[in-house]
Structure formats: C-alpha cells, structure tokens
C-alpha cells in the first residue's frame, strides 16, 4: 500500500511540474508536434506567436496567480476559487490548493488569434480555458476575450452566445 501511495504522489508531482518544465517560452526552438492539430502556438502547434500574445505569455509564466474576481451568470463565484493558486504557461493552467495536499487540477490554456493580419491588438486575441472536471472548474471553461493585462493582472470576459450574458474572470499575481 505504501508503494502505491508513493507512486500516486510521484504521478501527481509529474503532472503538476510538467507544465512548468515544458513549453515555458514562446521563443527559441520548439519541437514539432504537427500531428496534434493546428500549427500555431495558440492552437497547440508551434509557429512563432504574434508579439502581443508573446507578451501575455511572458506575463502569465512569470509567477503564481489567483482569481481575484469571477462573475458567472451574473453571480459572484470568486469564493469558489479563493483557496487556489494558478500556474499558467502557454499550454497549461494548473490550479493547486497550497493548504491541501493532492488538491490539484490541470487544464489547458491556449492563447489564439485570427491569422493573416499585419498587426495584432489585444482585442484580436482570445484564450481557450479547458478543465475536464465536473466541479467548479468547469465554469472556467470557454473562449475568453482579453479586457486588459499588466504584469500583475489579467482581465478576461466571455459573452454567452445564447443569452448575451457576460462572464468576467480576473487573475492577479500573488
């Protein structure tokens, strides 16, 4: 039983550290994973990202984040995430509770943009967040537009195409 417990702990550590160890920069050599779909950085491929996307990726990977505000279906659900810290890089988002061992969730974080423009601005970018869990993290799933970003804050919004409601998600750096 102790051996199984150690193996599970190691597997959890691998999945927690993997996003931080792999793909931590949008510049330099990146391996070819062309068999995985789209061939852009934001689409899980590996062409060079547009400058503003690279800037945001550099900001997100430079620290640990928390959700300072989450308004979902016009309800403030920030409290559902107050125990969690987030590590974000250009391919993964990892949520962990620093006070509870094994309270970790790994999801996808993909910044993407419309191809073919000569110049890109913040409103040309979006991030796709996907957690495959049937808990509060599923409410973060979606295609989020950027409202603003700085070294310490990322503000996103998502428009529900059926109802027109707008969800708001804000990450702050710890």
Protein backbone atom coordinates (compact mmCIF):
# COMPACT_ATOMS: atom_id res chain seq x y z
CA UNK A 1 0.00 0.00 0.00
CA UNK A 2 2.84 2.41 0.83
CA UNK A 3 4.41 1.77 -2.58
CA UNK A 4 1.14 2.57 -4.37
CA UNK A 5 0.80 5.75 -2.33
CA UNK A 6 4.34 6.84 -3.30
CA UNK A 7 3.67 6.09 -6.97
CA UNK A 8 0.48 8.15 -6.90
CA UNK A 9 2.30 11.03 -5.23
CA UNK A 10 5.02 10.89 -7.88
CA UNK A 11 2.45 10.84 -10.67
CA UNK A 12 0.70 13.86 -9.20
CA UNK A 13 4.03 15.67 -8.89
CA UNK A 14 4.87 14.86 -12.51
CA UNK A 15 1.56 16.26 -13.74
CA UNK A 16 1.92 19.31 -11.55
CA UNK A 17 5.50 20.12 -12.58
CA UNK A 18 5.23 19.09 -16.23
CA UNK A 19 3.51 22.31 -17.36
CA UNK A 20 6.18 24.38 -15.63
CA UNK A 21 9.05 22.40 -17.09
CA UNK A 22 7.78 22.09 -20.64
CA UNK A 23 6.96 24.83 -23.10
CA UNK A 24 7.81 27.75 -20.84
CA UNK A 25 8.74 30.17 -23.59
CA UNK A 26 7.23 31.24 -26.87
CA UNK A 27 10.66 31.98 -28.32
CA UNK A 28 13.51 29.72 -29.31
CA UNK A 29 13.33 26.16 -30.55
CA UNK A 30 10.04 24.39 -30.09
CA UNK A 31 9.55 20.72 -31.04
CA UNK A 32 7.29 19.73 -33.92
CA UNK A 33 4.01 18.26 -32.71
CA UNK A 34 2.26 18.74 -36.05
CA UNK A 35 0.21 15.60 -35.52
CA UNK A 36 -1.73 17.37 -32.79
CA UNK A 37 -3.86 19.67 -34.93
CA UNK A 38 -3.47 23.37 -35.64
CA UNK A 39 0.09 24.56 -36.25
CA UNK A 40 0.06 27.82 -34.30
CA UNK A 41 1.31 28.40 -30.77
CA UNK A 42 -2.20 29.27 -29.64
CA UNK A 43 -3.63 26.25 -31.43
CA UNK A 44 -1.25 23.70 -29.85
CA UNK A 45 1.21 23.86 -32.69
CA UNK A 46 4.39 25.78 -32.75
CA UNK A 47 4.81 28.69 -35.13
CA UNK A 48 6.07 31.93 -33.62
CA UNK A 49 3.35 33.77 -31.70
CA UNK A 50 2.35 37.32 -32.52
CA UNK A 51 4.12 39.93 -30.33
CA UNK A 52 1.19 40.81 -28.06
CA UNK A 53 0.46 37.10 -27.45
CA UNK A 54 4.13 36.55 -26.57
CA UNK A 55 3.95 39.47 -24.13
CA UNK A 56 0.91 37.97 -22.38
CA UNK A 57 2.54 34.53 -22.32
CA UNK A 58 5.65 36.04 -20.72
CA UNK A 59 3.48 37.78 -18.10
CA UNK A 60 1.49 34.64 -17.24
CA UNK A 61 4.50 32.36 -16.89
CA UNK A 62 6.32 34.81 -14.62
CA UNK A 63 4.52 33.98 -11.41
CA UNK A 64 1.77 32.40 -9.43
CA UNK A 65 -1.76 33.76 -9.82
CA UNK A 66 -5.09 33.72 -8.02
CA UNK A 67 -8.62 34.52 -9.14
CA UNK A 68 -9.50 37.90 -7.66
CA UNK A 69 -12.89 38.04 -9.37
CA UNK A 70 -15.15 35.57 -11.18
CA UNK A 71 -18.65 36.63 -12.19
CA UNK A 72 -20.52 33.72 -13.81
CA UNK A 73 -24.14 34.05 -14.99
CA UNK A 74 -24.34 37.38 -13.10
CA UNK A 75 -23.35 35.67 -9.82
CA UNK A 76 -20.11 36.39 -7.98
CA UNK A 77 -18.43 32.96 -7.68
CA UNK A 78 -14.98 34.22 -6.66
CA UNK A 79 -15.22 32.40 -3.32
CA UNK A 80 -15.25 29.04 -5.13
CA UNK A 81 -11.61 29.62 -6.10
CA UNK A 82 -10.20 31.56 -3.15
CA UNK A 83 -8.19 28.56 -1.89
CA UNK A 84 -6.44 28.01 -5.24
CA UNK A 85 -3.26 29.33 -6.78
CA UNK A 86 -2.62 29.02 -10.52
CA UNK A 87 0.48 28.39 -12.59
CA UNK A 88 -0.11 29.41 -16.22
CA UNK A 89 2.00 28.90 -19.30
CA UNK A 90 1.15 28.94 -22.98
CA UNK A 91 -0.20 25.40 -22.97
CA UNK A 92 -1.40 24.56 -19.44
CA UNK A 93 -3.11 26.06 -16.45
CA UNK A 94 -2.53 24.29 -13.15
CA UNK A 95 -4.68 25.03 -10.11
CA UNK A 96 -3.49 23.91 -6.70
CA UNK A 97 -4.52 24.44 -3.12
CA UNK A 98 -1.31 25.13 -1.18
CA UNK A 99 -3.01 24.14 2.10
CA UNK A 100 -4.40 20.76 0.99
CA UNK A 101 -2.14 18.05 -0.40
CA UNK A 102 -3.37 16.49 -3.65
CA UNK A 103 -5.95 19.23 -4.27
CA UNK A 104 -4.67 19.97 -7.80
CA UNK A 105 -6.32 20.42 -11.18
CA UNK A 106 -4.63 20.56 -14.56
CA UNK A 107 -6.29 22.24 -17.53
CA UNK A 108 -5.45 23.75 -20.91
CA UNK A 109 -4.64 27.41 -21.51
CA UNK A 110 -4.36 28.34 -25.19
CA UNK A 111 -3.91 31.91 -26.40
CA UNK A 112 -5.02 32.14 -30.02
CA UNK A 113 -5.75 34.77 -32.67
CA UNK A 114 -7.12 35.21 -36.17
CA UNK A 115 -4.42 34.51 -38.74
CA UNK A 116 -3.25 36.74 -41.57
CA UNK A 117 -3.25 40.21 -40.04
CA UNK A 118 -0.24 42.50 -40.35
CA UNK A 119 -0.67 43.93 -36.85
CA UNK A 120 -2.35 42.48 -33.76
CA UNK A 121 -4.00 44.19 -30.83
CA UNK A 122 -5.43 42.91 -27.55
CA UNK A 123 -8.94 42.57 -28.95
CA UNK A 124 -7.59 40.24 -31.68
CA UNK A 125 -6.58 37.65 -29.08
CA UNK A 126 -8.53 35.18 -27.02
CA UNK A 127 -7.68 32.40 -24.60
CA UNK A 128 -9.32 28.99 -24.52
CA UNK A 129 -9.51 27.56 -21.00
CA UNK A 130 -10.48 23.93 -20.54
CA UNK A 131 -10.70 21.92 -17.33
CA UNK A 132 -12.08 18.38 -17.70
CA UNK A 133 -13.62 18.16 -14.24
CA UNK A 134 -17.21 18.10 -13.09
CA UNK A 135 -16.74 20.67 -10.34
CA UNK A 136 -16.45 24.45 -10.04
CA UNK A 137 -13.55 24.45 -12.51
CA UNK A 138 -15.90 23.57 -15.39
CA UNK A 139 -17.34 27.09 -15.05
CA UNK A 140 -13.97 28.48 -16.17
CA UNK A 141 -14.19 26.59 -19.48
CA UNK A 142 -14.68 28.72 -22.55
CA UNK A 143 -13.25 31.06 -25.12
CA UNK A 144 -12.35 34.20 -23.17
CA UNK A 145 -11.53 37.59 -24.66
CA UNK A 146 -8.93 39.85 -23.09
CA UNK A 147 -10.12 43.10 -21.48
CA UNK A 148 -6.68 44.09 -20.23
CA UNK A 149 -3.42 42.75 -18.92
CA UNK A 150 -0.45 44.04 -16.96
CA UNK A 151 2.46 42.48 -15.12
CA UNK A 152 0.16 41.76 -12.17
CA UNK A 153 -3.36 41.42 -13.57
CA UNK A 154 -5.19 39.71 -16.43
CA UNK A 155 -8.83 40.60 -17.06
CA UNK A 156 -10.97 38.38 -19.29
CA UNK A 157 -14.59 38.30 -20.38
CA UNK A 158 -16.79 35.74 -22.10
CA UNK A 159 -20.05 36.53 -23.91
CA UNK A 160 -22.65 33.77 -23.77
CA UNK A 161 -23.86 33.50 -27.36
CA UNK A 162 -27.28 32.14 -26.32
CA UNK A 163 -28.20 34.58 -23.56
CA UNK A 164 -25.90 37.55 -24.17
CA UNK A 165 -24.76 37.38 -20.53
CA UNK A 166 -21.15 38.34 -19.92
CA UNK A 167 -18.89 36.41 -17.53
CA UNK A 168 -15.84 38.16 -16.06
CA UNK A 169 -12.65 36.50 -14.86
CA UNK A 170 -9.72 38.34 -13.29
CA UNK A 171 -6.38 36.82 -12.32
CA UNK A 172 -3.96 38.70 -10.08
CA UNK A 173 -0.35 37.79 -9.42
CA UNK A 174 0.45 36.71 -5.89
